[in-house]
Amino acid sequence: INLTNSGINYTYPNLPNRFSIHPSY
């Protein structure tokens, strides 16, 4: 997880906040 308030009042093509999960078997 990556969270930041940078640019919270602006719209971006790619969000600065990111959530990801990578399960493997």
PDB file of all heavy atoms in Angstrom:
ATOM      1  N   ILE A   1       0.845  -1.179   0.000  1.00  0.00           N
ATOM      2  CA  ILE A   1       0.000   0.000   0.000  1.00  0.00           C
ATOM      3  C   ILE A   1       0.890   1.241   0.000  1.00  0.00           C
ATOM      4  O   ILE A   1       1.944   1.275   0.650  1.00  0.00           O
ATOM      5  CB  ILE A   1      -0.946   0.005   1.223  1.00  0.00           C
ATOM      6  CG1 ILE A   1      -1.875   1.221   1.181  1.00  0.00           C
ATOM      7  CG2 ILE A   1      -0.169  -0.035   2.529  1.00  0.00           C
ATOM      8  CD1 ILE A   1      -2.938   1.194   2.273  1.00  0.00           C
ATOM      9  N   ASN A   2       0.481   2.237  -0.769  1.00  0.00           N
ATOM     10  CA  ASN A   2       1.148   3.530  -0.792  1.00  0.00           C
ATOM     11  C   ASN A   2       0.077   4.614  -0.701  1.00  0.00           C
ATOM     12  O   ASN A   2      -0.785   4.713  -1.571  1.00  0.00           O
ATOM     13  CB  ASN A   2       1.951   3.720  -2.084  1.00  0.00           C
ATOM     14  CG  ASN A   2       3.081   2.720  -2.207  1.00  0.00           C
ATOM     15  OD1 ASN A   2       4.127   2.856  -1.614  1.00  0.00           O
ATOM     16  ND2 ASN A   2       2.840   1.696  -3.003  1.00  0.00           N
ATOM     17  N   LEU A   3       0.136   5.423   0.364  1.00  0.00           N
ATOM     18  CA  LEU A   3      -0.843   6.480   0.578  1.00  0.00           C
ATOM     19  C   LEU A   3      -0.123   7.813   0.724  1.00  0.00           C
ATOM     20  O   LEU A   3       0.899   7.909   1.402  1.00  0.00           O
ATOM     21  CB  LEU A   3      -1.660   6.217   1.841  1.00  0.00           C
ATOM     22  CG  LEU A   3      -2.608   5.011   1.835  1.00  0.00           C
ATOM     23  CD1 LEU A   3      -3.255   4.846   3.203  1.00  0.00           C
ATOM     24  CD2 LEU A   3      -3.676   5.176   0.768  1.00  0.00           C
ATOM     25  N   THR A   4      -0.664   8.846   0.087  1.00  0.00           N
ATOM     26  CA  THR A   4      -0.111  10.187   0.224  1.00  0.00           C
ATOM     27  C   THR A   4      -1.214  11.203  -0.023  1.00  0.00           C
ATOM     28  O   THR A   4      -2.175  10.931  -0.740  1.00  0.00           O
ATOM     29  CB  THR A   4       1.044  10.425  -0.761  1.00  0.00           C
ATOM     30  OG1 THR A   4       1.489  11.779  -0.645  1.00  0.00           O
ATOM     31  CG2 THR A   4       0.611  10.169  -2.193  1.00  0.00           C
ATOM     32  N   ASN A   5      -1.071  12.359   0.592  1.00  0.00           N
ATOM     33  CA  ASN A   5      -2.030  13.439   0.352  1.00  0.00           C
ATOM     34  C   ASN A   5      -1.524  14.408  -0.706  1.00  0.00           C
ATOM     35  O   ASN A   5      -2.126  15.448  -0.951  1.00  0.00           O
ATOM     36  CB  ASN A   5      -2.325  14.197   1.642  1.00  0.00           C
ATOM     37  CG  ASN A   5      -1.136  15.043   2.087  1.00  0.00           C
ATOM     38  OD1 ASN A   5       0.012  14.664   1.864  1.00  0.00           O
ATOM     39  ND2 ASN A   5      -1.398  16.173   2.722  1.00  0.00           N
ATOM     40  N   SER A   6      -0.426  14.064  -1.356  1.00  0.00           N
ATOM     41  CA  SER A   6       0.117  14.915  -2.416  1.00  0.00           C
ATOM     42  C   SER A   6      -0.878  15.019  -3.566  1.00  0.00           C
ATOM     43  O   SER A   6      -1.325  14.025  -4.114  1.00  0.00           O
ATOM     44  CB  SER A   6       1.445  14.347  -2.925  1.00  0.00           C
ATOM     45  OG  SER A   6       1.951  15.105  -3.986  1.00  0.00           O
ATOM     46  N   GLY A   7      -1.236  16.238  -3.919  1.00  0.00           N
ATOM     47  CA  GLY A   7      -2.171  16.452  -5.011  1.00  0.00           C
ATOM     48  C   GLY A   7      -3.582  16.022  -4.686  1.00  0.00           C
ATOM     49  O   GLY A   7      -4.332  15.650  -5.585  1.00  0.00           O
ATOM     50  N   ILE A   8      -3.968  16.101  -3.427  1.00  0.00           N
ATOM     51  CA  ILE A   8      -5.289  15.610  -3.033  1.00  0.00           C
ATOM     52  C   ILE A   8      -6.404  16.419  -3.685  1.00  0.00           C
ATOM     53  O   ILE A   8      -7.512  15.928  -3.892  1.00  0.00           O
ATOM     54  CB  ILE A   8      -5.422  15.635  -1.490  1.00  0.00           C
ATOM     55  CG1 ILE A   8      -6.662  14.843  -1.060  1.00  0.00           C
ATOM     56  CG2 ILE A   8      -5.478  17.058  -0.962  1.00  0.00           C
ATOM     57  CD1 ILE A   8      -6.756  14.625   0.430  1.00  0.00           C
ATOM     58  N   ASN A   9      -6.128  17.668  -4.047  1.00  0.00           N
ATOM     59  CA  ASN A   9      -7.149  18.516  -4.661  1.00  0.00           C
ATOM     60  C   ASN A   9      -7.076  18.521  -6.177  1.00  0.00           C
ATOM     61  O   ASN A   9      -7.731  19.338  -6.820  1.00  0.00           O
ATOM     62  CB  ASN A   9      -7.005  19.951  -4.136  1.00  0.00           C
ATOM     63  CG  ASN A   9      -7.276  20.049  -2.646  1.00  0.00           C
ATOM     64  OD1 ASN A   9      -8.180  19.387  -2.135  1.00  0.00           O
ATOM     65  ND2 ASN A   9      -6.496  20.857  -1.937  1.00  0.00           N
ATOM     66  N   TYR A  10      -6.256  17.634  -6.752  1.00  0.00           N
ATOM     67  CA  TYR A  10      -6.075  17.625  -8.190  1.00  0.00           C
ATOM     68  C   TYR A  10      -6.382  16.242  -8.749  1.00  0.00           C
ATOM     69  O   TYR A  10      -6.298  15.236  -8.044  1.00  0.00           O
ATOM     70  CB  TYR A  10      -4.652  18.055  -8.560  1.00  0.00           C
ATOM     71  CG  TYR A  10      -4.334  19.462  -8.123  1.00  0.00           C
ATOM     72  CD1 TYR A  10      -3.785  19.713  -6.877  1.00  0.00           C
ATOM     73  CD2 TYR A  10      -4.616  20.546  -8.956  1.00  0.00           C
ATOM     74  CE1 TYR A  10      -3.512  21.009  -6.466  1.00  0.00           C
ATOM     75  CE2 TYR A  10      -4.346  21.841  -8.558  1.00  0.00           C
ATOM     76  CZ  TYR A  10      -3.796  22.068  -7.308  1.00  0.00           C
ATOM     77  OH  TYR A  10      -3.540  23.351  -6.909  1.00  0.00           O
ATOM     78  N   THR A  11      -6.730  16.215 -10.018  1.00  0.00           N
ATOM     79  CA  THR A  11      -7.064  14.964 -10.684  1.00  0.00           C
ATOM     80  C   THR A  11      -5.896  14.511 -11.545  1.00  0.00           C
ATOM     81  O   THR A  11      -5.348  15.296 -12.314  1.00  0.00           O
ATOM     82  CB  THR A  11      -8.315  15.142 -11.562  1.00  0.00           C
ATOM     83  OG1 THR A  11      -9.388  15.615 -10.749  1.00  0.00           O
ATOM     84  CG2 THR A  11      -8.710  13.821 -12.197  1.00  0.00           C
ATOM     85  N   TYR A  12      -5.526  13.250 -11.410  1.00  0.00           N
ATOM     86  CA  TYR A  12      -4.393  12.686 -12.132  1.00  0.00           C
ATOM     87  C   TYR A  12      -4.849  11.535 -13.010  1.00  0.00           C
ATOM     88  O   TYR A  12      -5.766  10.795 -12.646  1.00  0.00           O
ATOM     89  CB  TYR A  12      -3.332  12.157 -11.152  1.00  0.00           C
ATOM     90  CG  TYR A  12      -2.605  13.220 -10.374  1.00  0.00           C
ATOM     91  CD1 TYR A  12      -3.131  13.734  -9.192  1.00  0.00           C
ATOM     92  CD2 TYR A  12      -1.379  13.708 -10.808  1.00  0.00           C
ATOM     93  CE1 TYR A  12      -2.461  14.703  -8.478  1.00  0.00           C
ATOM     94  CE2 TYR A  12      -0.698  14.670 -10.096  1.00  0.00           C
ATOM     95  CZ  TYR A  12      -1.244  15.166  -8.931  1.00  0.00           C
ATOM     96  OH  TYR A  12      -0.585  16.131  -8.222  1.00  0.00           O
ATOM     97  N   PRO A  13      -4.182  11.330 -14.162  1.00  0.00           N
ATOM     98  CA  PRO A  13      -4.482  10.141 -14.968  1.00  0.00           C
ATOM     99  C   PRO A  13      -4.165   8.850 -14.227  1.00  0.00           C
ATOM    100  O   PRO A  13      -4.834   7.842 -14.413  1.00  0.00           O
ATOM    101  CB  PRO A  13      -3.571  10.315 -16.198  1.00  0.00           C
ATOM    102  CG  PRO A  13      -3.271  11.769 -16.254  1.00  0.00           C
ATOM    103  CD  PRO A  13      -3.225  12.231 -14.832  1.00  0.00           C
ATOM    104  N   ASN A  14      -3.114   8.874 -13.392  1.00  0.00           N
ATOM    105  CA  ASN A  14      -2.769   7.731 -12.538  1.00  0.00           C
ATOM    106  C   ASN A  14      -2.723   8.213 -11.102  1.00  0.00           C
ATOM    107  O   ASN A  14      -2.024   9.175 -10.784  1.00  0.00           O
ATOM    108  CB  ASN A  14      -1.415   7.134 -12.928  1.00  0.00           C
ATOM    109  CG  ASN A  14      -1.438   6.535 -14.317  1.00  0.00           C
ATOM    110  OD1 ASN A  14      -0.964   7.143 -15.265  1.00  0.00           O
ATOM    111  ND2 ASN A  14      -1.989   5.350 -14.449  1.00  0.00           N
ATOM    112  N   LEU A  15      -3.463   7.574 -10.234  1.00  0.00           N
ATOM    113  CA  LEU A  15      -3.567   8.026  -8.850  1.00  0.00           C
ATOM    114  C   LEU A  15      -2.243   7.857  -8.113  1.00  0.00           C
ATOM    115  O   LEU A  15      -1.539   6.867  -8.297  1.00  0.00           O
ATOM    116  CB  LEU A  15      -4.655   7.235  -8.129  1.00  0.00           C
ATOM    117  CG  LEU A  15      -6.094   7.477  -8.610  1.00  0.00           C
ATOM    118  CD1 LEU A  15      -7.050   6.547  -7.875  1.00  0.00           C
ATOM    119  CD2 LEU A  15      -6.487   8.928  -8.380  1.00  0.00           C
ATOM    120  N   PRO A  16      -1.895   8.813  -7.237  1.00  0.00           N
ATOM    121  CA  PRO A  16      -0.694   8.656  -6.427  1.00  0.00           C
ATOM    122  C   PRO A  16      -0.860   7.590  -5.348  1.00  0.00           C
ATOM    123  O   PRO A  16       0.128   7.049  -4.854  1.00  0.00           O
ATOM    124  CB  PRO A  16      -0.496  10.054  -5.821  1.00  0.00           C
ATOM    125  CG  PRO A  16      -1.858  10.674  -5.849  1.00  0.00           C
ATOM    126  CD  PRO A  16      -2.536  10.123  -7.059  1.00  0.00           C
ATOM    127  N   ASN A  17      -2.090   7.290  -4.956  1.00  0.00           N
ATOM    128  CA  ASN A  17      -2.335   6.241  -3.970  1.00  0.00           C
ATOM    129  C   ASN A  17      -2.484   4.903  -4.677  1.00  0.00           C
ATOM    130  O   ASN A  17      -3.188   4.799  -5.683  1.00  0.00           O
ATOM    131  CB  ASN A  17      -3.595   6.534  -3.160  1.00  0.00           C
ATOM    132  CG  ASN A  17      -3.476   7.802  -2.341  1.00  0.00           C
ATOM    133  OD1 ASN A  17      -2.378   8.186  -1.956  1.00  0.00           O
ATOM    134  ND2 ASN A  17      -4.587   8.465  -2.089  1.00  0.00           N
ATOM    135  N   ARG A  18      -1.815   3.881  -4.130  1.00  0.00           N
ATOM    136  CA  ARG A  18      -1.800   2.587  -4.806  1.00  0.00           C
ATOM    137  C   ARG A  18      -2.055   1.462  -3.807  1.00  0.00           C
ATOM    138  O   ARG A  18      -1.539   1.474  -2.692  1.00  0.00           O
ATOM    139  CB  ARG A  18      -0.455   2.359  -5.512  1.00  0.00           C
ATOM    140  CG  ARG A  18      -0.096   3.431  -6.519  1.00  0.00           C
ATOM    141  CD  ARG A  18       1.236   3.185  -7.171  1.00  0.00           C
ATOM    142  NE  ARG A  18       1.248   1.977  -7.989  1.00  0.00           N
ATOM    143  CZ  ARG A  18       2.285   1.582  -8.706  1.00  0.00           C
ATOM    144  NH1 ARG A  18       3.401   2.280  -8.685  1.00  0.00           N
ATOM    145  NH2 ARG A  18       2.215   0.483  -9.420  1.00  0.00           N
ATOM    146  N   PHE A  19      -2.853   0.483  -4.243  1.00  0.00           N
ATOM    147  CA  PHE A  19      -3.125  -0.718  -3.464  1.00  0.00           C
ATOM    148  C   PHE A  19      -2.941  -1.926  -4.391  1.00  0.00           C
ATOM    149  O   PHE A  19      -3.479  -1.945  -5.494  1.00  0.00           O
ATOM    150  CB  PHE A  19      -4.553  -0.715  -2.910  1.00  0.00           C
ATOM    151  CG  PHE A  19      -4.918   0.506  -2.115  1.00  0.00           C
ATOM    152  CD1 PHE A  19      -5.396   1.642  -2.744  1.00  0.00           C
ATOM    153  CD2 PHE A  19      -4.771   0.511  -0.742  1.00  0.00           C
ATOM    154  CE1 PHE A  19      -5.733   2.769  -2.021  1.00  0.00           C
ATOM    155  CE2 PHE A  19      -5.101   1.632  -0.008  1.00  0.00           C
ATOM    156  CZ  PHE A  19      -5.595   2.766  -0.645  1.00  0.00           C
ATOM    157  N   SER A  20      -2.220  -2.922  -3.919  1.00  0.00           N
ATOM    158  CA  SER A  20      -2.018  -4.096  -4.766  1.00  0.00           C
ATOM    159  C   SER A  20      -1.811  -5.335  -3.909  1.00  0.00           C
ATOM    160  O   SER A  20      -1.346  -5.266  -2.771  1.00  0.00           O
ATOM    161  CB  SER A  20      -0.813  -3.903  -5.697  1.00  0.00           C
ATOM    162  OG  SER A  20       0.381  -3.730  -4.957  1.00  0.00           O
ATOM    163  N   ILE A  21      -2.170  -6.478  -4.497  1.00  0.00           N
ATOM    164  CA  ILE A  21      -1.989  -7.764  -3.846  1.00  0.00           C
ATOM    165  C   ILE A  21      -1.447  -8.737  -4.890  1.00  0.00           C
ATOM    166  O   ILE A  21      -1.830  -8.681  -6.058  1.00  0.00           O
ATOM    167  CB  ILE A  21      -3.314  -8.269  -3.226  1.00  0.00           C
ATOM    168  CG1 ILE A  21      -3.076  -9.527  -2.391  1.00  0.00           C
ATOM    169  CG2 ILE A  21      -4.370  -8.485  -4.279  1.00  0.00           C
ATOM    170  CD1 ILE A  21      -4.276  -9.933  -1.560  1.00  0.00           C
ATOM    171  N   HIS A  22      -0.511  -9.611  -4.448  1.00  0.00           N
ATOM    172  CA  HIS A  22       0.203 -10.476  -5.395  1.00  0.00           C
ATOM    173  C   HIS A  22       0.274 -11.918  -4.869  1.00  0.00           C
ATOM    174  O   HIS A  22       1.352 -12.406  -4.533  1.00  0.00           O
ATOM    175  CB  HIS A  22       1.619  -9.942  -5.631  1.00  0.00           C
ATOM    176  CG  HIS A  22       1.680  -8.488  -5.971  1.00  0.00           C
ATOM    177  ND1 HIS A  22       1.647  -8.031  -7.264  1.00  0.00           N
ATOM    178  CD2 HIS A  22       1.756  -7.387  -5.177  1.00  0.00           C
ATOM    179  CE1 HIS A  22       1.713  -6.703  -7.267  1.00  0.00           C
ATOM    180  NE2 HIS A  22       1.769  -6.294  -6.010  1.00  0.00           N
ATOM    181  N   PRO A  23      -0.826 -12.614  -4.808  1.00  0.00           N
ATOM    182  CA  PRO A  23      -0.789 -13.998  -4.329  1.00  0.00           C
ATOM    183  C   PRO A  23      -0.063 -14.913  -5.321  1.00  0.00           C
ATOM    184  O   PRO A  23      -0.193 -14.753  -6.541  1.00  0.00           O
ATOM    185  CB  PRO A  23      -2.268 -14.377  -4.196  1.00  0.00           C
ATOM    186  CG  PRO A  23      -2.971 -13.463  -5.146  1.00  0.00           C
ATOM    187  CD  PRO A  23      -2.190 -12.181  -5.143  1.00  0.00           C
ATOM    188  N   SER A  24       0.695 -15.879  -4.776  1.00  0.00           N
ATOM    189  CA  SER A  24       1.428 -16.809  -5.639  1.00  0.00           C
ATOM    190  C   SER A  24       1.315 -18.225  -5.091  1.00  0.00           C
ATOM    191  O   SER A  24       1.210 -18.439  -3.877  1.00  0.00           O
ATOM    192  CB  SER A  24       2.900 -16.404  -5.742  1.00  0.00           C
ATOM    193  OG  SER A  24       3.535 -16.475  -4.476  1.00  0.00           O
ATOM    194  N   TYR A  25       1.339 -19.179  -6.001  1.00  0.00           N
ATOM    195  CA  TYR A  25       1.325 -20.603  -5.648  1.00  0.00           C
ATOM    196  C   TYR A  25       2.259 -21.335  -6.605  1.00  0.00           C
ATOM    197  O   TYR A  25       2.037 -21.333  -7.829  1.00  0.00           O
ATOM    198  CB  TYR A  25      -0.087 -21.176  -5.743  1.00  0.00           C
ATOM    199  CG  TYR A  25      -0.152 -22.665  -5.491  1.00  0.00           C
ATOM    200  CD1 TYR A  25       0.035 -23.189  -4.217  1.00  0.00           C
ATOM    201  CD2 TYR A  25      -0.385 -23.549  -6.540  1.00  0.00           C
ATOM    202  CE1 TYR A  25      -0.022 -24.554  -3.983  1.00  0.00           C
ATOM    203  CE2 TYR A  25      -0.443 -24.916  -6.321  1.00  0.00           C
ATOM    204  CZ  TYR A  25      -0.255 -25.415  -5.037  1.00  0.00           C
ATOM    205  OH  TYR A  25      -0.300 -26.762  -4.809  1.00  0.00           O
TER     206      TYR A  25
END
